Amino acid sequence: MTSTFPTCERTSLPTRHRAKLVLQKGADHTVESVLLRKL
């Protein structure tokens, strides 16, 4: 993990349940999965 992971975890993960689109990225910054919630 990079040094920015703690910041990402603290700011992004608590709001994930409100997101309409969630991208999960790999270590090389490529998109590994996409979650689109029904609108």
PDB file of N, CA and C in Angstrom:
ATOM      1  N   MET A   1       0.828  -1.187   0.000  1.00  0.00           N
ATOM      2  CA  MET A   1       0.000   0.000   0.000  1.00  0.00           C
ATOM      3  C   MET A   1       0.869   1.247   0.000  1.00  0.00           C
ATOM      4  N   THR A   2       0.327   2.287  -0.546  1.00  0.00           N
ATOM      5  CA  THR A   2       1.041   3.552  -0.562  1.00  0.00           C
ATOM      6  C   THR A   2       0.754   4.324   0.710  1.00  0.00           C
ATOM      7  N   SER A   3       1.473   5.399   0.905  1.00  0.00           N
ATOM      8  CA  SER A   3       1.285   6.206   2.108  1.00  0.00           C
ATOM      9  C   SER A   3      -0.062   6.922   2.130  1.00  0.00           C
ATOM     10  N   THR A   4      -0.763   6.986   1.001  1.00  0.00           N
ATOM     11  CA  THR A   4      -2.061   7.668   0.973  1.00  0.00           C
ATOM     12  C   THR A   4      -3.206   6.757   1.388  1.00  0.00           C
ATOM     13  N   PHE A   5      -2.960   5.480   1.566  1.00  0.00           N
ATOM     14  CA  PHE A   5      -4.042   4.567   1.921  1.00  0.00           C
ATOM     15  C   PHE A   5      -4.737   4.938   3.226  1.00  0.00           C
ATOM     16  N   PRO A   6      -4.009   5.297   4.297  1.00  0.00           N
ATOM     17  CA  PRO A   6      -4.727   5.680   5.529  1.00  0.00           C
ATOM     18  C   PRO A   6      -5.666   6.857   5.315  1.00  0.00           C
ATOM     19  N   THR A   7      -5.269   7.819   4.501  1.00  0.00           N
ATOM     20  CA  THR A   7      -6.131   8.959   4.212  1.00  0.00           C
ATOM     21  C   THR A   7      -7.355   8.505   3.434  1.00  0.00           C
ATOM     22  N   CYS A   8      -7.160   7.667   2.450  1.00  0.00           N
ATOM     23  CA  CYS A   8      -8.266   7.134   1.655  1.00  0.00           C
ATOM     24  C   CYS A   8      -9.229   6.356   2.550  1.00  0.00           C
ATOM     25  N   GLU A   9      -8.692   5.526   3.390  1.00  0.00           N
ATOM     26  CA  GLU A   9      -9.522   4.716   4.274  1.00  0.00           C
ATOM     27  C   GLU A   9     -10.335   5.604   5.211  1.00  0.00           C
ATOM     28  N   ARG A  10      -9.741   6.638   5.738  1.00  0.00           N
ATOM     29  CA  ARG A  10     -10.409   7.525   6.688  1.00  0.00           C
ATOM     30  C   ARG A  10     -11.489   8.375   6.020  1.00  0.00           C
ATOM     31  N   THR A  11     -11.272   8.797   4.757  1.00  0.00           N
ATOM     32  CA  THR A  11     -12.217   9.705   4.116  1.00  0.00           C
ATOM     33  C   THR A  11     -13.204   9.024   3.179  1.00  0.00           C
ATOM     34  N   SER A  12     -12.808   7.955   2.512  1.00  0.00           N
ATOM     35  CA  SER A  12     -13.668   7.345   1.497  1.00  0.00           C
ATOM     36  C   SER A  12     -14.516   6.190   2.006  1.00  0.00           C
ATOM     37  N   LEU A  13     -13.959   5.321   2.767  1.00  0.00           N
ATOM     38  CA  LEU A  13     -14.695   4.130   3.179  1.00  0.00           C
ATOM     39  C   LEU A  13     -15.945   4.438   4.007  1.00  0.00           C
ATOM     40  N   PRO A  14     -15.927   5.420   4.907  1.00  0.00           N
ATOM     41  CA  PRO A  14     -17.160   5.700   5.664  1.00  0.00           C
ATOM     42  C   PRO A  14     -18.317   6.190   4.799  1.00  0.00           C
ATOM     43  N   THR A  15     -18.057   6.735   3.627  1.00  0.00           N
ATOM     44  CA  THR A  15     -19.124   7.256   2.768  1.00  0.00           C
ATOM     45  C   THR A  15     -19.463   6.315   1.616  1.00  0.00           C
ATOM     46  N   ARG A  16     -18.826   5.171   1.564  1.00  0.00           N
ATOM     47  CA  ARG A  16     -19.025   4.243   0.458  1.00  0.00           C
ATOM     48  C   ARG A  16     -20.484   3.823   0.312  1.00  0.00           C
ATOM     49  N   HIS A  17     -21.202   3.665   1.405  1.00  0.00           N
ATOM     50  CA  HIS A  17     -22.603   3.219   1.340  1.00  0.00           C
ATOM     51  C   HIS A  17     -23.508   4.225   0.633  1.00  0.00           C
ATOM     52  N   ARG A  18     -23.081   5.497   0.528  1.00  0.00           N
ATOM     53  CA  ARG A  18     -23.878   6.515  -0.159  1.00  0.00           C
ATOM     54  C   ARG A  18     -23.524   6.641  -1.631  1.00  0.00           C
ATOM     55  N   ALA A  19     -22.449   6.021  -2.050  1.00  0.00           N
ATOM     56  CA  ALA A  19     -21.959   6.172  -3.423  1.00  0.00           C
ATOM     57  C   ALA A  19     -22.865   5.459  -4.423  1.00  0.00           C
ATOM     58  N   LYS A  20     -23.014   6.049  -5.589  1.00  0.00           N
ATOM     59  CA  LYS A  20     -23.751   5.425  -6.687  1.00  0.00           C
ATOM     60  C   LYS A  20     -22.816   4.581  -7.554  1.00  0.00           C
ATOM     61  N   LEU A  21     -21.550   4.962  -7.592  1.00  0.00           N
ATOM     62  CA  LEU A  21     -20.551   4.260  -8.382  1.00  0.00           C
ATOM     63  C   LEU A  21     -19.309   4.066  -7.537  1.00  0.00           C
ATOM     64  N   VAL A  22     -18.836   2.817  -7.434  1.00  0.00           N
ATOM     65  CA  VAL A  22     -17.642   2.500  -6.659  1.00  0.00           C
ATOM     66  C   VAL A  22     -16.655   1.797  -7.575  1.00  0.00           C
ATOM     67  N   LEU A  23     -15.452   2.359  -7.681  1.00  0.00           N
ATOM     68  CA  LEU A  23     -14.381   1.744  -8.454  1.00  0.00           C
ATOM     69  C   LEU A  23     -13.364   1.174  -7.483  1.00  0.00           C
ATOM     70  N   GLN A  24     -12.949  -0.057  -7.705  1.00  0.00           N
ATOM     71  CA  GLN A  24     -11.879  -0.639  -6.903  1.00  0.00           C
ATOM     72  C   GLN A  24     -10.664  -0.748  -7.805  1.00  0.00           C
ATOM     73  N   LYS A  25      -9.564  -0.139  -7.342  1.00  0.00           N
ATOM     74  CA  LYS A  25      -8.365  -0.077  -8.160  1.00  0.00           C
ATOM     75  C   LYS A  25      -7.279  -0.963  -7.571  1.00  0.00           C
ATOM     76  N   GLY A  26      -6.455  -1.494  -8.456  1.00  0.00           N
ATOM     77  CA  GLY A  26      -5.363  -2.353  -8.043  1.00  0.00           C
ATOM     78  C   GLY A  26      -4.126  -1.562  -7.663  1.00  0.00           C
ATOM     79  N   ALA A  27      -3.097  -2.285  -7.279  1.00  0.00           N
ATOM     80  CA  ALA A  27      -1.844  -1.670  -6.861  1.00  0.00           C
ATOM     81  C   ALA A  27      -1.217  -0.842  -7.975  1.00  0.00           C
ATOM     82  N   ASP A  28      -1.465  -1.229  -9.219  1.00  0.00           N
ATOM     83  CA  ASP A  28      -0.907  -0.483 -10.354  1.00  0.00           C
ATOM     84  C   ASP A  28      -1.879   0.571 -10.874  1.00  0.00           C
ATOM     85  N   HIS A  29      -2.919   0.875 -10.087  1.00  0.00           N
ATOM     86  CA  HIS A  29      -3.917   1.914 -10.376  1.00  0.00           C
ATOM     87  C   HIS A  29      -4.864   1.564 -11.525  1.00  0.00           C
ATOM     88  N   THR A  30      -4.901   0.324 -11.960  1.00  0.00           N
ATOM     89  CA  THR A  30      -5.892  -0.072 -12.956  1.00  0.00           C
ATOM     90  C   THR A  30      -7.194  -0.424 -12.231  1.00  0.00           C
ATOM     91  N   VAL A  31      -8.306  -0.202 -12.891  1.00  0.00           N
ATOM     92  CA  VAL A  31      -9.601  -0.510 -12.305  1.00  0.00           C
ATOM     93  C   VAL A  31      -9.800  -2.021 -12.327  1.00  0.00           C
ATOM     94  N   GLU A  32     -10.051  -2.593 -11.161  1.00  0.00           N
ATOM     95  CA  GLU A  32     -10.250  -4.041 -11.049  1.00  0.00           C
ATOM     96  C   GLU A  32     -11.720  -4.412 -10.996  1.00  0.00           C
ATOM     97  N   SER A  33     -12.556  -3.533 -10.437  1.00  0.00           N
ATOM     98  CA  SER A  33     -13.981  -3.820 -10.419  1.00  0.00           C
ATOM     99  C   SER A  33     -14.766  -2.514 -10.372  1.00  0.00           C
ATOM    100  N   VAL A  34     -16.014  -2.601 -10.839  1.00  0.00           N
ATOM    101  CA  VAL A  34     -16.915  -1.458 -10.879  1.00  0.00           C
ATOM    102  C   VAL A  34     -18.250  -1.899 -10.292  1.00  0.00           C
ATOM    103  N   LEU A  35     -18.748  -1.120  -9.339  1.00  0.00           N
ATOM    104  CA  LEU A  35     -20.041  -1.389  -8.736  1.00  0.00           C
ATOM    105  C   LEU A  35     -20.931  -0.191  -9.012  1.00  0.00           C
ATOM    106  N   LEU A  36     -22.019  -0.405  -9.724  1.00  0.00           N
ATOM    107  CA  LEU A  36     -22.994   0.656  -9.995  1.00  0.00           C
ATOM    108  C   LEU A  36     -24.287   0.278  -9.305  1.00  0.00           C
ATOM    109  N   ARG A  37     -24.677   1.089  -8.358  1.00  0.00           N
ATOM    110  CA  ARG A  37     -25.923   0.825  -7.625  1.00  0.00           C
ATOM    111  C   ARG A  37     -27.116   1.259  -8.469  1.00  0.00           C
ATOM    112  N   LYS A  38     -28.220   0.567  -8.315  1.00  0.00           N
ATOM    113  CA  LYS A  38     -29.433   0.914  -9.038  1.00  0.00           C
ATOM    114  C   LYS A  38     -29.900   2.292  -8.583  1.00  0.00           C
ATOM    115  N   LEU A  39     -30.156   3.150  -9.531  1.00  0.00           N
ATOM    116  CA  LEU A  39     -30.541   4.529  -9.203  1.00  0.00           C
ATOM    117  C   LEU A  39     -32.033   4.660  -9.049  1.00  0.00           C
TER     118      LEU A  39
END
